[in-house]
Protein backbone atom coordinates (compact mmCIF):
# COMPACT_ATOMS: atom_id res chain seq x y z
CA MET A 1 0.11 -0.02 -0.11
CA ALA A 2 1.44 3.47 -1.08
CA LEU A 3 1.90 6.33 1.71
CA THR A 4 -0.11 9.15 1.06
CA PRO A 5 2.59 12.07 1.11
CA SER A 6 1.71 14.70 3.95
CA LEU A 7 0.13 17.98 3.70
CA THR A 8 0.98 20.67 5.80
CA PRO A 9 -1.21 24.00 5.92
CA ARG A 10 1.61 27.23 5.48
CA MET A 11 -0.75 29.78 4.66
CA VAL A 12 -4.33 31.18 4.24
CA THR A 13 -4.75 33.51 1.10
CA ILE A 14 -7.15 36.41 0.67
CA ASP A 15 -8.22 37.90 -2.42
CA CYS A 16 -8.68 41.88 -2.14
CA ALA A 17 -8.50 44.87 -4.16
CA ASP A 18 -5.49 46.50 -2.39
CA PRO A 19 -3.03 43.83 -0.71
CA ARG A 20 -0.88 46.88 0.77
CA LYS A 21 -3.79 48.61 2.47
CA LEU A 22 -5.25 45.31 3.64
CA ALA A 23 -1.76 44.08 5.33
CA GLU A 24 -2.04 47.57 7.52
CA PHE A 25 -5.16 45.88 8.89
CA TRP A 26 -4.14 42.40 9.49
CA THR A 27 -0.51 43.45 10.50
CA GLU A 28 -2.18 45.45 13.73
CA ALA A 29 -4.95 42.63 13.97
CA LEU A 30 -2.76 39.75 14.29
CA GLY A 31 0.72 41.23 15.33
CA TYR A 32 2.13 40.03 12.16
CA THR A 33 4.94 41.52 10.19
CA VAL A 34 5.27 41.57 6.15
CA LEU A 35 7.48 38.61 4.83
CA HIS A 36 7.18 39.36 1.25
CA ASP A 37 5.71 42.33 -0.63
CA LEU A 38 5.09 42.02 -4.32
CA GLU A 39 2.58 44.77 -4.63
CA TRP A 40 -0.03 42.80 -5.78
CA PHE A 41 0.84 39.77 -3.51
CA VAL A 42 1.67 40.48 0.41
CA VAL A 43 2.66 37.86 2.95
CA LEU A 44 2.01 38.31 6.58
CA SER A 45 4.19 36.19 9.21
CA GLY A 46 3.44 35.61 12.78
CA GLY A 47 6.70 33.73 13.10
CA GLU A 48 7.47 30.02 13.52
CA GLY A 49 4.58 27.61 13.78
CA LYS A 50 1.92 30.04 12.97
CA LEU A 51 0.13 29.84 9.90
CA ASN A 52 1.16 33.07 7.12
CA LEU A 53 -1.51 35.22 5.61
CA GLY A 54 -1.20 35.96 1.83
CA LEU A 55 -3.45 39.06 0.58
CA GLN A 56 -3.61 38.64 -3.04
CA LYS A 57 -4.62 41.30 -5.29
CA VAL A 58 -7.77 40.67 -7.69
CA PRO A 59 -9.57 42.81 -10.07
CA GLU A 60 -13.17 41.89 -9.23
CA PRO A 61 -14.91 42.66 -5.69
CA ARG A 62 -16.13 39.78 -3.34
CA THR A 63 -19.71 39.26 -4.27
CA GLY A 64 -22.18 36.89 -1.65
CA LYS A 65 -20.83 34.98 1.29
CA ASN A 66 -17.18 33.61 1.86
CA ARG A 67 -16.91 29.97 1.01
CA VAL A 68 -13.96 29.97 3.06
CA HIS A 69 -13.16 32.12 6.41
CA VAL A 70 -10.62 31.79 9.10
CA ASP A 71 -11.83 31.36 12.80
CA TYR A 72 -9.38 32.97 15.40
CA HIS A 73 -9.86 31.94 19.08
CA THR A 74 -9.24 34.53 22.06
CA GLU A 75 -9.66 34.70 25.84
CA ASP A 76 -11.38 37.72 25.88
CA ARG A 77 -13.88 37.93 22.68
CA ALA A 78 -15.38 41.16 23.71
CA ALA A 79 -11.86 43.10 24.16
CA ALA A 80 -10.83 41.38 20.77
CA VAL A 81 -13.71 42.52 18.74
CA GLU A 82 -13.95 46.06 20.21
CA ARG A 83 -10.11 46.29 19.10
CA LEU A 84 -10.91 45.13 15.79
CA VAL A 85 -13.61 47.04 15.10
CA LYS A 86 -11.08 50.22 16.16
CA LEU A 87 -8.78 49.00 13.38
CA GLY A 88 -11.57 48.95 11.07
CA ALA A 89 -13.54 45.31 11.15
CA THR A 90 -17.15 45.51 10.68
CA VAL A 91 -19.55 43.51 13.22
CA LEU A 92 -21.72 41.22 10.84
CA GLY A 93 -23.31 38.92 13.63
CA GLU A 94 -23.08 37.18 16.72
CA GLU A 95 -23.84 33.38 17.02
CA GLU A 96 -23.85 30.88 20.01
CA VAL A 97 -24.26 27.18 20.59
CA PRO A 98 -23.94 25.42 23.88
CA GLY A 99 -20.39 26.23 25.08
CA LEU A 100 -19.35 28.47 22.21
CA THR A 101 -19.90 32.02 21.43
CA TRP A 102 -18.52 33.66 18.45
CA THR A 103 -18.45 36.86 16.57
CA VAL A 104 -18.52 37.19 12.85
CA LEU A 105 -16.73 39.96 11.39
CA ALA A 106 -15.66 42.03 8.16
CA ASP A 107 -12.13 43.08 7.43
CA PRO A 108 -12.02 46.50 5.53
CA ASP A 109 -12.07 44.91 2.04
CA GLY A 110 -15.47 43.15 3.12
CA ASN A 111 -13.72 39.74 3.72
CA GLU A 112 -15.51 37.35 6.55
CA PHE A 113 -13.98 36.01 9.57
CA CYS A 114 -15.10 34.84 12.95
CA VAL A 115 -13.80 35.78 16.63
CA ALA A 116 -14.62 32.95 19.43
CA GLY A 117 -14.00 32.66 23.02
C-alpha cells in the first residue's frame, strides 16, 4: 500500500482589492509582520509555527458569502472584537451554541472571519 504524502497548511490567502492597504489592518490585528511584498501579493508572517496570511490582488470585488473563512480564538472575545472594530473591521453578527460563542466580522475589504472565545 502506497503512503499518502503529508500535507501541512502554511498559508491562507485572501483575495482583495489592495493588498498593501489590507496588510495594514491584518498586521495590527494579528501582530504579524510583512514577510514578502510584491505589490500584487503580500505575505504576512506571525513567526515560527504560525500560519502565514497571504493577501492577493484581484480585479473583481467580493460578491456573496465567503466560501472559506478563518476562525480565530481568544480568551477575551469582547475585547478582541472591540479592538478589531477600532482597526476597521465591521461586526456582521454574533452566534452561540452550547459552550461556544463567536462573532462574525468583515475586514476592511469585506472578507469575513470569526472570533470565538
